[in-house]
């Protein structure tokens, strides 16, 4: 009877430990599982993952960040 009780406590401890790890590491585990699913999927093409919907969007939308607006650089009249 003592062996059965010990076995049940051990199994319950393993199950509770597994649940704790799943809850604590959920974001990391989801990303890992998604990566595994993608790598095992023969129909997955990484080129289909499009970040930007506009392919003609410039890589650098503001080519000269030091340039100021013309209204901001108007001369100040000193009296």
N, C-alpha and C. Protein backbone atom coordinates (compact mmCIF):
# COMPACT_ATOMS: atom_id res chain seq x y z
N UNK A 1 0.81 -1.19 0.00
CA UNK A 1 0.00 0.00 0.00
C UNK A 1 0.86 1.26 0.00
N UNK A 2 1.99 1.23 0.67
CA UNK A 2 2.88 2.38 0.73
C UNK A 2 3.52 2.67 -0.62
N UNK A 3 3.78 1.61 -1.40
CA UNK A 3 4.40 1.80 -2.72
C UNK A 3 3.42 2.48 -3.68
N UNK A 4 2.15 2.11 -3.59
CA UNK A 4 1.14 2.73 -4.46
C UNK A 4 0.97 4.20 -4.12
N UNK A 5 0.94 4.52 -2.85
CA UNK A 5 0.82 5.91 -2.41
C UNK A 5 2.02 6.73 -2.88
N UNK A 6 3.21 6.17 -2.73
CA UNK A 6 4.42 6.85 -3.17
C UNK A 6 4.40 7.07 -4.68
N UNK A 7 3.97 6.07 -5.43
CA UNK A 7 3.90 6.18 -6.89
C UNK A 7 2.89 7.26 -7.30
N UNK A 8 1.73 7.30 -6.64
CA UNK A 8 0.72 8.31 -6.97
C UNK A 8 1.22 9.72 -6.65
N UNK A 9 1.92 9.88 -5.54
CA UNK A 9 2.48 11.19 -5.19
C UNK A 9 3.55 11.60 -6.19
N UNK A 10 4.36 10.66 -6.61
CA UNK A 10 5.41 10.96 -7.60
C UNK A 10 4.80 11.35 -8.94
N UNK A 11 3.79 10.64 -9.38
CA UNK A 11 3.11 10.95 -10.65
C UNK A 11 2.44 12.32 -10.56
N UNK A 12 1.78 12.60 -9.45
CA UNK A 12 1.14 13.91 -9.27
C UNK A 12 2.19 15.03 -9.26
N UNK A 13 3.34 14.79 -8.65
CA UNK A 13 4.40 15.78 -8.64
C UNK A 13 4.96 16.05 -10.03
N UNK A 14 5.12 15.00 -10.83
CA UNK A 14 5.59 15.16 -12.21
C UNK A 14 4.58 15.94 -13.03
N UNK A 15 3.31 15.62 -12.88
CA UNK A 15 2.25 16.32 -13.62
C UNK A 15 2.20 17.79 -13.22
N UNK A 16 2.24 18.08 -11.94
CA UNK A 16 2.21 19.48 -11.49
C UNK A 16 3.47 20.23 -11.94
N UNK A 17 4.61 19.58 -11.94
CA UNK A 17 5.83 20.20 -12.43
C UNK A 17 5.74 20.53 -13.91
N UNK A 18 5.18 19.60 -14.69
CA UNK A 18 5.01 19.83 -16.13
C UNK A 18 4.08 21.01 -16.38
N UNK A 19 2.98 21.08 -15.66
CA UNK A 19 2.03 22.19 -15.82
C UNK A 19 2.69 23.51 -15.44
N UNK A 20 3.50 23.51 -14.39
CA UNK A 20 4.19 24.73 -13.96
C UNK A 20 5.15 25.22 -15.03
N UNK A 21 5.90 24.31 -15.63
CA UNK A 21 6.84 24.69 -16.69
C UNK A 21 6.09 25.21 -17.90
N UNK A 22 4.98 24.57 -18.26
CA UNK A 22 4.18 25.02 -19.41
C UNK A 22 3.65 26.44 -19.19
N UNK A 23 3.20 26.74 -17.99
CA UNK A 23 2.66 28.07 -17.71
C UNK A 23 3.78 29.11 -17.63
N UNK A 24 4.88 28.78 -16.98
CA UNK A 24 5.96 29.74 -16.79
C UNK A 24 6.69 30.08 -18.08
N UNK A 25 6.84 29.12 -18.96
CA UNK A 25 7.62 29.31 -20.19
C UNK A 25 6.75 29.32 -21.43
N UNK A 26 5.49 29.71 -21.30
CA UNK A 26 4.55 29.63 -22.40
C UNK A 26 5.00 30.39 -23.66
N UNK A 27 5.43 31.66 -23.59
CA UNK A 27 5.82 32.35 -24.83
C UNK A 27 6.99 31.69 -25.54
N UNK A 28 7.98 31.28 -24.78
CA UNK A 28 9.16 30.64 -25.37
C UNK A 28 8.79 29.29 -25.98
N UNK A 29 7.98 28.54 -25.30
CA UNK A 29 7.58 27.23 -25.81
C UNK A 29 6.72 27.35 -27.06
N UNK A 30 5.85 28.37 -27.13
CA UNK A 30 5.01 28.55 -28.32
C UNK A 30 5.85 28.91 -29.53
N UNK A 31 6.86 29.78 -29.35
CA UNK A 31 7.73 30.13 -30.47
C UNK A 31 8.53 28.93 -30.95
N UNK A 32 9.00 28.13 -30.01
CA UNK A 32 9.75 26.94 -30.38
C UNK A 32 8.90 25.92 -31.10
N UNK A 33 7.69 25.73 -30.62
CA UNK A 33 6.79 24.78 -31.29
C UNK A 33 6.39 25.25 -32.67
N UNK A 34 6.20 26.56 -32.82
CA UNK A 34 5.87 27.11 -34.14
C UNK A 34 7.04 26.92 -35.10
N UNK A 35 8.26 27.14 -34.63
CA UNK A 35 9.44 26.94 -35.48
C UNK A 35 9.59 25.48 -35.88
N UNK A 36 9.32 24.57 -34.96
CA UNK A 36 9.40 23.15 -35.28
C UNK A 36 8.33 22.78 -36.30
N UNK A 37 7.11 23.29 -36.11
CA UNK A 37 6.03 23.00 -37.06
C UNK A 37 6.37 23.51 -38.45
N UNK A 38 6.97 24.71 -38.53
CA UNK A 38 7.32 25.26 -39.83
C UNK A 38 8.44 24.45 -40.49
N UNK A 39 9.41 24.01 -39.69
CA UNK A 39 10.52 23.27 -40.28
C UNK A 39 10.09 21.87 -40.73
N UNK A 40 9.07 21.31 -40.11
CA UNK A 40 8.60 19.98 -40.50
C UNK A 40 7.54 20.03 -41.59
N UNK A 41 7.03 21.23 -41.93
CA UNK A 41 5.99 21.37 -42.94
C UNK A 41 6.65 21.47 -44.32
N UNK A 42 6.42 20.48 -45.20
CA UNK A 42 7.05 20.53 -46.52
C UNK A 42 6.48 21.63 -47.42
N UNK A 43 5.30 22.14 -47.12
CA UNK A 43 4.68 23.18 -47.93
C UNK A 43 5.04 24.59 -47.46
N UNK A 44 5.80 24.72 -46.37
CA UNK A 44 6.13 26.04 -45.83
C UNK A 44 7.24 26.67 -46.67
N UNK A 45 7.03 27.91 -47.07
CA UNK A 45 8.03 28.66 -47.84
C UNK A 45 8.32 29.95 -47.09
N UNK A 46 9.55 30.14 -46.59
CA UNK A 46 9.85 31.35 -45.84
C UNK A 46 9.74 32.61 -46.68
N UNK A 47 9.82 32.49 -48.00
CA UNK A 47 9.68 33.65 -48.87
C UNK A 47 8.26 34.18 -48.90
N UNK A 48 7.30 33.38 -48.44
CA UNK A 48 5.91 33.82 -48.41
C UNK A 48 5.62 34.75 -47.24
N UNK A 49 6.50 34.77 -46.23
CA UNK A 49 6.31 35.65 -45.08
C UNK A 49 6.71 37.07 -45.49
N UNK A 50 5.72 37.89 -45.79
CA UNK A 50 5.98 39.25 -46.24
C UNK A 50 5.77 40.19 -45.05
N UNK A 51 6.80 40.94 -44.72
CA UNK A 51 6.71 41.87 -43.59
C UNK A 51 5.98 43.13 -44.01
N UNK A 52 6.34 43.67 -45.15
CA UNK A 52 5.74 44.90 -45.64
C UNK A 52 4.82 44.58 -46.81
N UNK A 53 3.63 45.17 -46.82
CA UNK A 53 2.70 44.93 -47.91
C UNK A 53 3.05 45.78 -49.13
N UNK A 54 3.83 46.85 -48.94
CA UNK A 54 4.21 47.73 -50.04
C UNK A 54 5.65 47.42 -50.43
N UNK A 55 5.81 46.73 -51.55
CA UNK A 55 7.14 46.32 -51.96
C UNK A 55 7.96 47.49 -52.46
N UNK A 56 7.32 48.59 -52.85
CA UNK A 56 8.03 49.75 -53.35
C UNK A 56 8.31 50.78 -52.26
N UNK A 57 8.04 50.46 -51.02
CA UNK A 57 8.30 51.39 -49.93
C UNK A 57 9.80 51.60 -49.79
N UNK A 58 10.25 52.84 -49.59
CA UNK A 58 11.68 53.08 -49.47
C UNK A 58 12.23 52.48 -48.18
N UNK A 59 13.48 52.03 -48.26
CA UNK A 59 14.10 51.46 -47.07
C UNK A 59 14.40 52.54 -46.04
N UNK A 60 14.73 53.74 -46.52
CA UNK A 60 15.04 54.85 -45.63
C UNK A 60 14.08 55.99 -45.99
N UNK A 61 12.94 56.10 -45.34
CA UNK A 61 11.96 57.12 -45.73
C UNK A 61 12.43 58.55 -45.47
N UNK A 62 13.36 58.78 -44.56
CA UNK A 62 13.89 60.11 -44.27
C UNK A 62 15.38 60.08 -44.57
N UNK A 63 15.80 60.41 -45.80
CA UNK A 63 17.20 60.24 -46.17
C UNK A 63 18.16 61.17 -45.43
N UNK A 64 17.70 62.34 -44.99
CA UNK A 64 18.57 63.29 -44.30
C UNK A 64 17.93 63.67 -42.97
N UNK A 65 18.20 62.92 -41.90
CA UNK A 65 17.54 63.22 -40.62
C UNK A 65 18.02 64.52 -39.99
N UNK A 66 19.18 65.06 -40.42
CA UNK A 66 19.67 66.31 -39.84
C UNK A 66 19.01 67.54 -40.45
N UNK A 67 18.36 67.35 -41.60
CA UNK A 67 17.69 68.49 -42.26
C UNK A 67 16.49 68.90 -41.43
N UNK A 68 16.33 70.21 -41.25
CA UNK A 68 15.22 70.71 -40.46
C UNK A 68 14.15 71.27 -41.38
N UNK A 69 12.97 71.41 -40.83
CA UNK A 69 11.86 72.00 -41.57
C UNK A 69 12.19 73.47 -41.87
N UNK A 70 11.79 73.97 -43.04
CA UNK A 70 12.11 75.35 -43.43
C UNK A 70 11.48 76.37 -42.48
N UNK A 71 10.31 76.05 -41.93
CA UNK A 71 9.68 76.99 -41.00
C UNK A 71 10.40 77.01 -39.66
N UNK A 72 11.05 75.93 -39.29
CA UNK A 72 11.76 75.88 -38.04
C UNK A 72 13.11 76.59 -38.12
N UNK A 73 13.65 76.74 -39.33
CA UNK A 73 14.96 77.37 -39.47
C UNK A 73 14.85 78.82 -39.98
N UNK A 74 13.70 79.47 -39.80
CA UNK A 74 13.52 80.85 -40.23
C UNK A 74 14.39 81.75 -39.35
N UNK A 75 14.96 82.81 -39.94
CA UNK A 75 15.84 83.68 -39.14
C UNK A 75 15.05 84.43 -38.08
N UNK A 76 15.70 84.69 -36.96
CA UNK A 76 15.09 85.41 -35.85
C UNK A 76 15.55 86.86 -35.91
N UNK A 77 14.63 87.75 -35.80
CA UNK A 77 14.94 89.19 -35.89
C UNK A 77 15.29 89.68 -34.49
N UNK A 78 16.51 90.15 -34.34
CA UNK A 78 16.96 90.68 -33.05
C UNK A 78 16.75 92.18 -33.02
N UNK A 79 16.30 92.70 -31.90
CA UNK A 79 16.04 94.13 -31.77
C UNK A 79 17.12 94.78 -30.94
